[in-house]
């Protein structure tokens, strides 16, 4: 057995030294995470409803919602099929919220 005396461990500082740290105090920008089933369709529908008098390309909505233009296009096509949106132009694709017909 070793009979050397035990040396105390030096105390660590209670707060990190921020001047020499390479870690940024600001959080990293959040990436768009995966959405639940039908969530993007709801976001796209809400966007169209909020901008009812305008028409948009899938790319424009994708940029506004920080989502893929392809995924937004799929959601828009589903909204058209379900009667919640209309396709205003085929080439280039443009979509708008479907307006309710005025009552007679």
N, C-alpha and C. Protein backbone atom coordinates (compact mmCIF):
# COMPACT_ATOMS: atom_id res chain seq x y z
N UNK A 1 0.82 -1.18 0.00
CA UNK A 1 0.00 0.00 0.00
C UNK A 1 0.87 1.24 0.00
N UNK A 2 0.32 2.26 -0.67
CA UNK A 2 1.02 3.54 -0.76
C UNK A 2 0.64 4.36 0.46
N UNK A 3 1.65 4.87 1.18
CA UNK A 3 1.37 5.63 2.38
C UNK A 3 1.54 7.13 2.17
N UNK A 4 1.47 7.60 0.89
CA UNK A 4 1.59 9.03 0.62
C UNK A 4 0.35 9.75 1.11
N UNK A 5 0.53 10.95 1.63
CA UNK A 5 -0.63 11.69 2.13
C UNK A 5 -1.54 12.09 0.97
N UNK A 6 -2.81 12.18 1.26
CA UNK A 6 -3.81 12.57 0.27
C UNK A 6 -3.80 14.08 0.16
N UNK A 7 -3.69 14.56 -1.10
CA UNK A 7 -3.67 16.01 -1.35
C UNK A 7 -5.10 16.48 -1.62
N UNK A 8 -5.48 17.65 -1.09
CA UNK A 8 -6.82 18.16 -1.35
C UNK A 8 -6.94 18.60 -2.83
N UNK A 9 -8.13 18.46 -3.34
CA UNK A 9 -8.42 18.87 -4.71
C UNK A 9 -8.67 20.37 -4.68
N UNK A 10 -8.05 21.13 -5.63
CA UNK A 10 -8.28 22.58 -5.63
C UNK A 10 -9.74 22.88 -5.97
N UNK A 11 -10.25 23.95 -5.38
CA UNK A 11 -11.64 24.32 -5.61
C UNK A 11 -11.81 24.90 -7.01
N UNK A 12 -12.91 24.55 -7.63
CA UNK A 12 -13.23 25.07 -8.95
C UNK A 12 -14.00 26.37 -8.80
N UNK A 13 -13.87 27.29 -9.77
CA UNK A 13 -14.65 28.54 -9.66
C UNK A 13 -16.14 28.24 -9.74
N UNK A 14 -16.94 29.02 -9.02
CA UNK A 14 -18.38 28.78 -8.99
C UNK A 14 -19.07 29.23 -10.27
N UNK A 15 -18.51 30.20 -10.99
CA UNK A 15 -19.08 30.67 -12.24
C UNK A 15 -18.04 30.49 -13.35
N UNK A 16 -18.49 30.11 -14.54
CA UNK A 16 -17.53 29.93 -15.63
C UNK A 16 -16.91 31.25 -16.06
N UNK A 17 -15.69 31.17 -16.53
CA UNK A 17 -14.98 32.34 -17.02
C UNK A 17 -15.47 32.63 -18.42
N UNK A 18 -16.32 33.64 -18.58
CA UNK A 18 -16.92 33.92 -19.89
C UNK A 18 -15.96 34.61 -20.84
N UNK A 19 -14.90 35.21 -20.33
CA UNK A 19 -13.96 35.91 -21.20
C UNK A 19 -13.13 34.94 -22.04
N UNK A 20 -12.84 33.77 -21.52
CA UNK A 20 -12.00 32.82 -22.24
C UNK A 20 -12.81 31.69 -22.85
N UNK A 21 -14.11 31.69 -22.62
CA UNK A 21 -14.95 30.62 -23.14
C UNK A 21 -15.27 30.85 -24.61
N UNK A 22 -15.28 29.77 -25.40
CA UNK A 22 -15.64 29.84 -26.81
C UNK A 22 -17.12 29.57 -27.02
N UNK A 23 -17.85 29.32 -25.98
CA UNK A 23 -19.27 29.01 -26.07
C UNK A 23 -20.05 30.30 -26.12
N UNK A 24 -20.91 30.41 -27.11
CA UNK A 24 -21.72 31.61 -27.28
C UNK A 24 -22.84 31.63 -26.25
N UNK A 25 -23.14 32.82 -25.74
CA UNK A 25 -24.22 32.96 -24.77
C UNK A 25 -25.57 32.94 -25.46
N UNK A 26 -25.60 33.20 -26.79
CA UNK A 26 -26.86 33.22 -27.52
C UNK A 26 -27.20 31.81 -28.00
N UNK A 27 -28.47 31.44 -27.89
CA UNK A 27 -28.86 30.11 -28.38
C UNK A 27 -28.77 30.03 -29.90
N UNK A 28 -28.55 28.84 -30.39
CA UNK A 28 -28.50 28.64 -31.84
C UNK A 28 -29.87 28.89 -32.42
N UNK A 29 -29.94 29.39 -33.67
CA UNK A 29 -31.26 29.61 -34.27
C UNK A 29 -32.03 28.30 -34.38
N UNK A 30 -33.29 28.37 -34.08
CA UNK A 30 -34.12 27.17 -34.10
C UNK A 30 -34.40 26.74 -35.53
N UNK A 31 -34.26 25.45 -35.78
CA UNK A 31 -34.60 24.90 -37.08
C UNK A 31 -36.07 24.50 -37.06
N UNK A 32 -36.64 24.50 -38.23
CA UNK A 32 -38.03 24.06 -38.33
C UNK A 32 -38.07 22.57 -38.08
N UNK A 33 -38.73 22.16 -37.02
CA UNK A 33 -38.81 20.74 -36.68
C UNK A 33 -39.94 20.05 -37.41
N UNK A 34 -40.02 18.76 -37.21
CA UNK A 34 -41.08 17.97 -37.84
C UNK A 34 -42.41 18.31 -37.21
N UNK A 35 -43.40 18.38 -38.04
CA UNK A 35 -44.75 18.68 -37.57
C UNK A 35 -45.55 17.39 -37.50
N UNK A 36 -46.60 17.43 -36.73
CA UNK A 36 -47.51 16.30 -36.64
C UNK A 36 -48.35 16.18 -37.90
N UNK A 37 -49.03 15.07 -38.03
CA UNK A 37 -49.85 14.81 -39.21
C UNK A 37 -50.92 15.89 -39.37
N UNK A 38 -50.95 16.51 -40.55
CA UNK A 38 -51.94 17.54 -40.85
C UNK A 38 -51.60 18.93 -40.33
N UNK A 39 -50.51 19.07 -39.57
CA UNK A 39 -50.19 20.37 -38.97
C UNK A 39 -49.80 21.40 -40.03
N UNK A 40 -49.02 20.98 -41.02
CA UNK A 40 -48.63 21.92 -42.06
C UNK A 40 -49.85 22.38 -42.86
N UNK A 41 -50.74 21.46 -43.14
CA UNK A 41 -51.97 21.82 -43.87
C UNK A 41 -52.73 22.89 -43.09
N UNK A 42 -52.80 22.74 -41.78
CA UNK A 42 -53.46 23.75 -40.94
C UNK A 42 -52.74 25.08 -40.96
N UNK A 43 -51.41 25.04 -40.95
CA UNK A 43 -50.63 26.28 -41.00
C UNK A 43 -50.85 27.00 -42.33
N UNK A 44 -50.86 26.24 -43.41
CA UNK A 44 -51.07 26.82 -44.74
C UNK A 44 -52.47 27.39 -44.85
N UNK A 45 -53.46 26.67 -44.35
CA UNK A 45 -54.84 27.17 -44.37
C UNK A 45 -54.95 28.47 -43.57
N UNK A 46 -54.34 28.51 -42.40
CA UNK A 46 -54.36 29.73 -41.58
C UNK A 46 -53.69 30.89 -42.32
N UNK A 47 -52.58 30.61 -42.99
CA UNK A 47 -51.87 31.66 -43.72
C UNK A 47 -52.75 32.22 -44.84
N UNK A 48 -53.39 31.33 -45.59
CA UNK A 48 -54.27 31.79 -46.67
C UNK A 48 -55.45 32.59 -46.11
N UNK A 49 -56.00 32.15 -44.98
CA UNK A 49 -57.13 32.83 -44.37
C UNK A 49 -56.73 34.23 -43.90
N UNK A 50 -55.53 34.36 -43.33
CA UNK A 50 -55.05 35.66 -42.86
C UNK A 50 -54.78 36.62 -44.00
N UNK A 51 -54.54 36.08 -45.20
CA UNK A 51 -54.25 36.89 -46.39
C UNK A 51 -55.30 36.58 -47.46
N UNK A 52 -56.56 36.71 -47.10
CA UNK A 52 -57.67 36.23 -47.93
C UNK A 52 -57.76 36.90 -49.30
N UNK A 53 -57.34 38.12 -49.44
CA UNK A 53 -57.48 38.82 -50.71
C UNK A 53 -56.25 38.69 -51.61
N UNK A 54 -55.32 37.80 -51.27
CA UNK A 54 -54.09 37.64 -52.03
C UNK A 54 -53.96 36.20 -52.52
N UNK A 55 -53.12 36.01 -53.54
CA UNK A 55 -52.80 34.65 -53.95
C UNK A 55 -51.28 34.48 -53.91
N UNK A 56 -50.86 33.24 -53.63
CA UNK A 56 -49.46 32.96 -53.35
C UNK A 56 -48.97 31.72 -54.08
N UNK A 57 -47.67 31.70 -54.32
CA UNK A 57 -47.03 30.48 -54.82
C UNK A 57 -46.68 29.61 -53.62
N UNK A 58 -46.49 28.31 -53.85
CA UNK A 58 -46.05 27.45 -52.75
C UNK A 58 -44.72 27.93 -52.16
N UNK A 59 -43.85 28.46 -53.02
CA UNK A 59 -42.56 28.94 -52.55
C UNK A 59 -42.71 30.12 -51.60
N UNK A 60 -43.59 31.07 -51.93
CA UNK A 60 -43.80 32.24 -51.07
C UNK A 60 -44.34 31.83 -49.70
N UNK A 61 -45.29 30.91 -49.69
CA UNK A 61 -45.85 30.44 -48.41
C UNK A 61 -44.79 29.66 -47.65
N UNK A 62 -44.03 28.84 -48.36
CA UNK A 62 -42.95 28.09 -47.71
C UNK A 62 -41.95 28.99 -47.02
N UNK A 63 -41.57 30.07 -47.68
CA UNK A 63 -40.64 31.02 -47.07
C UNK A 63 -41.26 31.69 -45.85
N UNK A 64 -42.52 32.07 -45.96
CA UNK A 64 -43.20 32.74 -44.85
C UNK A 64 -43.33 31.83 -43.63
N UNK A 65 -43.53 30.54 -43.88
CA UNK A 65 -43.73 29.58 -42.78
C UNK A 65 -42.46 28.83 -42.41
N UNK A 66 -41.36 29.11 -43.12
CA UNK A 66 -40.09 28.42 -42.91
C UNK A 66 -40.25 26.91 -43.11
N UNK A 67 -40.90 26.56 -44.22
CA UNK A 67 -41.17 25.17 -44.57
C UNK A 67 -40.81 24.92 -46.02
N UNK A 68 -40.67 23.68 -46.39
CA UNK A 68 -40.35 23.28 -47.74
C UNK A 68 -41.47 23.66 -48.71
N UNK A 69 -41.08 24.23 -49.87
CA UNK A 69 -42.07 24.61 -50.88
C UNK A 69 -42.80 23.37 -51.40
N UNK A 70 -42.10 22.25 -51.51
CA UNK A 70 -42.74 21.01 -51.96
C UNK A 70 -43.79 20.52 -50.99
N UNK A 71 -43.47 20.57 -49.71
CA UNK A 71 -44.44 20.15 -48.70
C UNK A 71 -45.62 21.11 -48.67
N UNK A 72 -45.35 22.40 -48.83
CA UNK A 72 -46.43 23.39 -48.85
C UNK A 72 -47.31 23.15 -50.07
N UNK A 73 -46.70 22.85 -51.23
CA UNK A 73 -47.49 22.56 -52.44
C UNK A 73 -48.41 21.37 -52.20
N UNK A 74 -47.89 20.32 -51.57
CA UNK A 74 -48.73 19.16 -51.27
C UNK A 74 -49.91 19.54 -50.37
N UNK A 75 -49.64 20.38 -49.37
CA UNK A 75 -50.71 20.83 -48.48
C UNK A 75 -51.72 21.67 -49.24
N UNK A 76 -51.25 22.53 -50.13
CA UNK A 76 -52.15 23.37 -50.93
C UNK A 76 -53.04 22.52 -51.84
N UNK A 77 -52.45 21.53 -52.49
CA UNK A 77 -53.23 20.65 -53.36
C UNK A 77 -54.30 19.91 -52.56
N UNK A 78 -53.97 19.49 -51.34
CA UNK A 78 -54.93 18.82 -50.48
C UNK A 78 -56.05 19.79 -50.07
N UNK A 79 -55.67 21.05 -49.78
CA UNK A 79 -56.67 22.05 -49.41
C UNK A 79 -57.61 22.35 -50.58
N UNK A 80 -57.08 22.35 -51.80
CA UNK A 80 -57.91 22.55 -52.99
C UNK A 80 -58.88 21.37 -53.14
N UNK A 81 -58.36 20.16 -52.99
CA UNK A 81 -59.19 18.96 -53.12
C UNK A 81 -60.30 18.93 -52.07
N UNK A 82 -60.00 19.45 -50.88
CA UNK A 82 -60.98 19.45 -49.79
C UNK A 82 -61.91 20.67 -49.83
N UNK A 83 -61.67 21.60 -50.78
CA UNK A 83 -62.55 22.75 -50.93
C UNK A 83 -62.24 23.94 -50.05
N UNK A 84 -61.07 23.97 -49.41
CA UNK A 84 -60.72 25.09 -48.54
C UNK A 84 -59.91 26.16 -49.26
N UNK A 85 -59.33 25.82 -50.41
CA UNK A 85 -58.52 26.77 -51.17
C UNK A 85 -58.83 26.58 -52.65
N UNK A 86 -58.38 27.55 -53.45
CA UNK A 86 -58.54 27.44 -54.90
C UNK A 86 -57.19 27.68 -55.56
N UNK A 87 -57.00 27.06 -56.71
CA UNK A 87 -55.80 27.31 -57.50
C UNK A 87 -56.18 28.42 -58.48
N UNK A 88 -55.52 29.57 -58.34
CA UNK A 88 -55.86 30.72 -59.18
C UNK A 88 -55.08 30.73 -60.49
N UNK A 89 -53.92 30.09 -60.55
CA UNK A 89 -53.11 30.00 -61.76
C UNK A 89 -52.44 28.63 -61.78
N UNK A 90 -52.38 28.04 -62.99
CA UNK A 90 -51.70 26.75 -63.12
C UNK A 90 -50.20 26.89 -63.33
N UNK A 91 -49.78 27.88 -64.11
CA UNK A 91 -48.36 28.06 -64.38
C UNK A 91 -48.04 29.55 -64.41
N UNK A 92 -47.31 30.08 -63.49
CA UNK A 92 -46.84 29.43 -62.27
C UNK A 92 -47.98 29.23 -61.28
N UNK A 93 -47.85 28.21 -60.47
CA UNK A 93 -48.91 27.87 -59.52
C UNK A 93 -49.14 29.01 -58.53
N UNK A 94 -50.40 29.34 -58.35
CA UNK A 94 -50.81 30.34 -57.36
C UNK A 94 -52.07 29.83 -56.69
N UNK A 95 -52.17 30.07 -55.40
CA UNK A 95 -53.31 29.59 -54.62
C UNK A 95 -53.85 30.73 -53.77
N UNK A 96 -55.11 30.62 -53.41
CA UNK A 96 -55.77 31.60 -52.54
C UNK A 96 -56.79 30.88 -51.68
N UNK A 97 -57.19 31.56 -50.62
CA UNK A 97 -58.26 31.02 -49.77
C UNK A 97 -59.55 31.05 -50.56
N UNK A 98 -60.36 30.02 -50.39
CA UNK A 98 -61.65 29.99 -51.06
C UNK A 98 -62.60 30.91 -50.30
N UNK A 99 -63.23 31.79 -51.03
CA UNK A 99 -64.19 32.71 -50.41
C UNK A 99 -65.55 32.04 -50.39
N UNK A 100 -66.29 32.32 -49.34
CA UNK A 100 -67.66 31.81 -49.25
C UNK A 100 -68.50 32.61 -50.25
N UNK A 101 -69.40 31.89 -50.90
CA UNK A 101 -70.31 32.52 -51.86
C UNK A 101 -71.31 33.36 -51.08
N UNK A 102 -71.61 34.58 -51.56
CA UNK A 102 -72.59 35.41 -50.85
C UNK A 102 -73.98 34.78 -50.89
N UNK A 103 -74.69 34.92 -49.80
CA UNK A 103 -76.05 34.38 -49.73
C UNK A 103 -77.00 35.28 -50.50
N UNK A 104 -77.97 34.68 -51.19
CA UNK A 104 -78.94 35.47 -51.95
C UNK A 104 -80.09 35.90 -51.10
